[in-house]
Amino acid sequence: MFLLIIFTKPTYSHSNDLFTTIEPGSEEIEITSKSIYDQIGDESLNFEAFQLAYKGWVELKDSLDLKDQILTVIDFSQPSTNKRFYLVDLQQRKILFQDYVAHGKNTGNLWAKSFSNIPNSNQSSLGFYKTAETYHGKHGLSLRLDGLEKGINHLARQRAIVIHAADYAEESFIKKYGRLGRSFGCPALPSGNYQRIISQIKEGTLLYIYFPQKEYLSKSTVLN
């Protein structure tokens, strides 16, 4: 009697030189994200924030038909005096833009602490978003965001959570008050680069707002 044992190799996909496994969360995803992170070579970008954002990108890129290999990471584990907005080109392995970004006024002062999906909470929401259309409103050019995680950020459009420029997001505000000003929950940017950033990420790229909150990390339908 002979016992035939067949060893199979995991299935991989190749997308514009990004080598990823079909199933996110695998060891190969972690290896790939570390490789890309090392090539980016900027330690101001939190590795865990990038790794989770990349894991979500792999999970969602086909089902959402994400545009290009552009990934935005907002790291709310950093104080608002840091440039904690990162626009990453995954194919070129580099940060295209890094800038200040404000959080909601009921999320915290210098540091972000509390997050909510509730309308009129004036708090930021964590998790994954798909960028949508632009419009011109009271803050000028603005970019709508669609929250992708039920119960975490899915009311983003209803709450009018958008990317826009604000004078309280400028470095001059930090110099005067020791922190950025705060929004009603929108990730507000300084005026200098925001139009170029919006032009780069609008209409179908992935944005991830990171904070090492155990509740979010355990409930995220994208990461789990």
Protein backbone atom coordinates (compact mmCIF):
# COMPACT_ATOMS: atom_id res chain seq x y z
CA MET A 1 0.00 0.00 0.00
CA PHE A 2 1.40 3.35 -1.03
CA LEU A 3 0.47 6.71 0.42
CA LEU A 4 0.65 9.55 -2.08
CA ILE A 5 1.26 12.96 -0.56
CA ILE A 6 0.89 15.97 -2.81
CA PHE A 7 2.40 19.28 -1.73
CA THR A 8 0.80 22.32 -3.26
CA LYS A 9 2.22 25.82 -3.40
CA PRO A 10 0.17 28.85 -2.44
CA THR A 11 -1.42 30.77 -5.28
CA TYR A 12 -0.05 34.21 -6.01
CA SER A 13 -1.12 37.15 -8.09
CA HIS A 14 1.09 39.66 -9.82
CA SER A 15 -0.10 43.23 -10.24
CA ASN A 16 2.33 45.71 -11.74
CA ASP A 17 5.29 44.15 -9.95
CA LEU A 18 3.49 43.94 -6.60
CA PHE A 19 3.84 40.34 -5.46
CA THR A 20 0.96 39.41 -3.20
CA THR A 21 -0.92 36.33 -2.12
CA ILE A 22 -4.53 35.87 -3.06
CA GLU A 23 -5.56 35.64 0.60
CA PRO A 24 -4.80 38.77 2.64
CA GLY A 25 -3.47 38.28 6.12
CA SER A 26 -1.02 35.62 5.09
CA GLU A 27 2.66 35.60 5.89
CA GLU A 28 3.39 36.62 2.29
CA ILE A 29 1.37 39.84 2.71
CA GLU A 30 3.43 40.71 5.77
CA ILE A 31 6.68 39.99 3.94
CA THR A 32 5.62 42.09 0.95
CA SER A 33 4.47 45.03 3.06
CA LYS A 34 7.78 45.00 4.95
CA SER A 35 9.70 44.96 1.67
CA ILE A 36 7.77 47.92 0.29
CA TYR A 37 8.10 49.78 3.60
CA ASP A 38 11.86 49.26 3.65
CA GLN A 39 12.14 50.57 0.10
CA ILE A 40 10.10 53.64 0.99
CA GLY A 41 12.72 54.27 3.65
CA ASP A 42 10.88 56.81 5.81
CA GLU A 43 10.54 55.80 9.45
CA SER A 44 8.18 58.68 10.19
CA LEU A 45 5.57 56.45 8.54
CA ASN A 46 4.51 54.03 11.27
CA PHE A 47 5.13 50.49 10.05
CA GLU A 48 2.00 49.01 11.62
CA ALA A 49 -0.12 51.77 10.09
CA PHE A 50 1.36 51.06 6.67
CA GLN A 51 1.15 47.28 7.04
CA LEU A 52 -2.55 47.36 7.96
CA ALA A 53 -3.28 49.86 5.19
CA TYR A 54 -1.49 47.66 2.66
CA LYS A 55 -3.33 44.57 3.89
CA GLY A 56 -6.62 46.40 3.30
CA TRP A 57 -5.48 47.51 -0.14
CA VAL A 58 -4.75 43.92 -1.15
CA GLU A 59 -8.12 42.81 0.25
CA LEU A 60 -10.13 45.52 -1.52
CA LYS A 61 -8.28 46.45 -4.70
CA ASP A 62 -10.12 44.02 -6.98
CA SER A 63 -13.61 44.10 -5.47
CA LEU A 64 -13.63 47.90 -5.37
CA ASP A 65 -11.74 48.32 -8.65
CA LEU A 66 -9.33 50.69 -6.97
CA LYS A 67 -7.60 53.16 -9.24
CA ASP A 68 -3.83 52.98 -9.63
CA GLN A 69 -1.48 51.84 -6.89
CA ILE A 70 -2.05 54.83 -4.65
CA LEU A 71 -2.61 54.42 -0.92
CA THR A 72 -3.28 57.18 1.60
CA VAL A 73 -2.41 56.60 5.25
CA ILE A 74 -3.46 59.00 8.01
CA ASP A 75 -1.73 58.12 11.27
CA PHE A 76 -3.70 59.46 14.23
CA SER A 77 -1.34 57.80 16.68
CA GLN A 78 0.91 60.81 16.05
CA PRO A 79 0.24 64.28 17.49
CA SER A 80 -1.27 66.90 15.23
CA THR A 81 2.05 68.77 15.22
CA ASN A 82 3.48 65.96 13.07
CA LYS A 83 3.01 65.60 9.35
CA ARG A 84 0.90 62.46 9.70
CA PHE A 85 -0.79 62.39 6.28
CA TYR A 86 1.04 60.13 3.82
CA LEU A 87 0.24 59.66 0.15
CA VAL A 88 2.12 56.54 -0.93
CA ASP A 89 2.85 55.30 -4.44
CA LEU A 90 3.07 51.52 -4.00
CA GLN A 91 4.51 50.91 -7.44
CA GLN A 92 7.31 53.44 -7.14
CA ARG A 93 7.79 52.66 -3.44
CA LYS A 94 7.83 56.29 -2.35
CA ILE A 95 5.84 58.92 -0.49
CA LEU A 96 4.41 61.43 -2.94
CA PHE A 97 3.10 63.86 -0.31
CA GLN A 98 3.45 64.12 3.45
CA ASP A 99 1.57 66.86 5.27
CA TYR A 100 -0.32 67.95 8.36
CA VAL A 101 -3.88 66.75 8.83
CA ALA A 102 -6.47 67.77 11.42
CA HIS A 103 -8.73 65.49 13.43
CA GLY A 104 -12.21 66.17 14.83
CA LYS A 105 -12.59 68.61 17.70
CA ASN A 106 -14.18 65.97 19.96
CA THR A 107 -11.52 63.44 19.05
CA GLY A 108 -8.84 65.18 21.10
CA ASN A 109 -6.61 68.23 21.39
CA LEU A 110 -2.97 67.66 20.48
CA TRP A 111 -3.48 63.90 20.44
CA ALA A 112 -6.40 61.99 18.91
CA LYS A 113 -8.11 59.81 21.53
CA SER A 114 -11.79 59.24 20.77
CA PHE A 115 -13.48 58.18 17.53
CA SER A 116 -17.07 57.86 16.38
CA ASN A 117 -19.32 57.10 13.44
CA ILE A 118 -22.23 59.02 14.98
CA PRO A 119 -23.63 62.06 13.12
CA ASN A 120 -22.93 65.41 14.83
CA SER A 121 -20.33 63.80 17.11
CA ASN A 122 -17.62 66.06 15.65
CA GLN A 123 -15.25 63.12 15.93
CA SER A 124 -13.02 61.43 13.38
CA SER A 125 -13.77 57.88 12.27
CA LEU A 126 -11.14 55.19 11.83
CA GLY A 127 -10.77 52.62 9.08
CA PHE A 128 -10.87 52.29 5.32
CA TYR A 129 -12.46 54.73 2.88
CA LYS A 130 -12.78 54.89 -0.89
CA THR A 131 -12.30 58.34 -2.33
CA ALA A 132 -15.19 59.62 -4.43
CA GLU A 133 -16.10 62.76 -6.37
CA THR A 134 -14.95 66.32 -5.83
CA TYR A 135 -17.13 69.39 -5.39
CA HIS A 136 -16.73 73.05 -4.48
CA GLY A 137 -18.21 74.02 -1.13
CA LYS A 138 -17.59 76.48 1.69
CA HIS A 139 -13.99 75.24 1.94
CA GLY A 140 -13.43 75.41 -1.82
CA LEU A 141 -12.34 72.24 -3.58
CA SER A 142 -13.34 69.23 -1.46
CA LEU A 143 -13.24 65.46 -1.87
CA ARG A 144 -16.03 63.17 -0.67
CA LEU A 145 -15.16 59.95 1.14
CA ASP A 146 -17.19 56.75 1.36
CA GLY A 147 -16.62 54.75 4.53
CA LEU A 148 -16.21 51.04 3.84
CA GLU A 149 -16.68 49.59 7.32
CA LYS A 150 -20.17 49.08 8.76
CA GLY A 151 -20.57 50.58 12.20
CA ILE A 152 -17.10 52.17 12.07
CA ASN A 153 -17.21 54.78 9.30
CA HIS A 154 -20.04 53.85 6.94
CA LEU A 155 -21.90 57.11 7.68
CA ALA A 156 -19.05 59.24 6.36
CA ARG A 157 -21.03 60.57 3.42
CA GLN A 158 -24.09 61.26 5.56
CA ARG A 159 -21.84 63.08 8.04
CA ALA A 160 -20.20 65.08 5.21
CA ILE A 161 -16.75 63.77 6.13
CA VAL A 162 -14.59 65.12 3.31
CA ILE A 163 -11.04 66.19 2.59
CA HIS A 164 -10.73 69.96 2.34
CA ALA A 165 -8.28 72.73 3.16
CA ALA A 166 -8.53 74.76 6.36
CA ASP A 167 -6.59 77.64 7.88
CA TYR A 168 -6.50 75.76 11.21
CA ALA A 169 -4.50 72.98 9.50
CA GLU A 170 -1.60 75.29 8.68
CA GLU A 171 1.84 75.19 10.32
CA SER A 172 1.29 78.80 11.40
CA PHE A 173 -1.56 77.59 13.63
CA ILE A 174 0.83 75.14 15.33
CA LYS A 175 3.34 77.91 15.96
CA LYS A 176 0.65 80.03 17.59
CA TYR A 177 -1.26 77.41 19.60
CA GLY A 178 1.06 74.41 19.93
CA ARG A 179 -1.27 72.11 17.99
CA LEU A 180 -3.40 72.09 14.87
CA GLY A 181 -6.94 73.30 14.98
CA ARG A 182 -9.69 70.74 14.74
CA SER A 183 -12.50 69.96 12.34
CA PHE A 184 -16.04 68.59 12.67
CA GLY A 185 -14.55 65.18 11.85
CA CYS A 186 -13.01 65.85 8.45
CA PRO A 187 -9.35 65.14 7.72
CA ALA A 188 -8.55 68.76 6.86
CA LEU A 189 -5.27 69.65 5.14
CA PRO A 190 -3.11 72.76 4.73
CA SER A 191 -3.81 74.76 1.58
CA GLY A 192 -0.34 74.40 0.04
CA ASN A 193 -0.59 70.92 -1.48
CA TYR A 194 -4.20 69.97 -0.97
CA GLN A 195 -5.37 70.55 -4.55
CA ARG A 196 -2.58 68.37 -5.92
CA ILE A 197 -3.31 65.73 -3.30
CA ILE A 198 -7.01 65.68 -4.12
CA SER A 199 -6.24 65.49 -7.83
CA GLN A 200 -4.00 62.48 -7.19
CA ILE A 201 -6.34 60.47 -4.95
CA LYS A 202 -9.86 61.35 -6.13
CA GLU A 203 -12.38 58.97 -7.68
CA GLY A 204 -11.38 55.54 -6.53
CA THR A 205 -8.28 55.22 -4.35
CA LEU A 206 -8.03 53.77 -0.86
CA LEU A 207 -7.56 55.87 2.28
CA TYR A 208 -6.88 54.41 5.72
CA ILE A 209 -7.15 56.26 9.03
CA TYR A 210 -5.03 54.47 11.63
CA PHE A 211 -5.04 54.42 15.40
CA PRO A 212 -4.01 51.41 17.54
CA GLN A 213 -7.46 51.02 19.09
CA LYS A 214 -8.15 47.40 20.11
CA GLU A 215 -11.89 47.74 19.55
CA TYR A 216 -11.43 48.85 15.95
CA LEU A 217 -8.73 46.28 15.19
CA SER A 218 -10.94 43.48 16.46
CA LYS A 219 -14.11 44.66 14.67
CA SER A 220 -12.70 45.70 11.32
CA THR A 221 -14.33 43.59 8.62
CA VAL A 222 -11.53 44.48 6.21
CA LEU A 223 -8.67 43.43 8.47
CA ASN A 224 -10.46 40.34 9.75
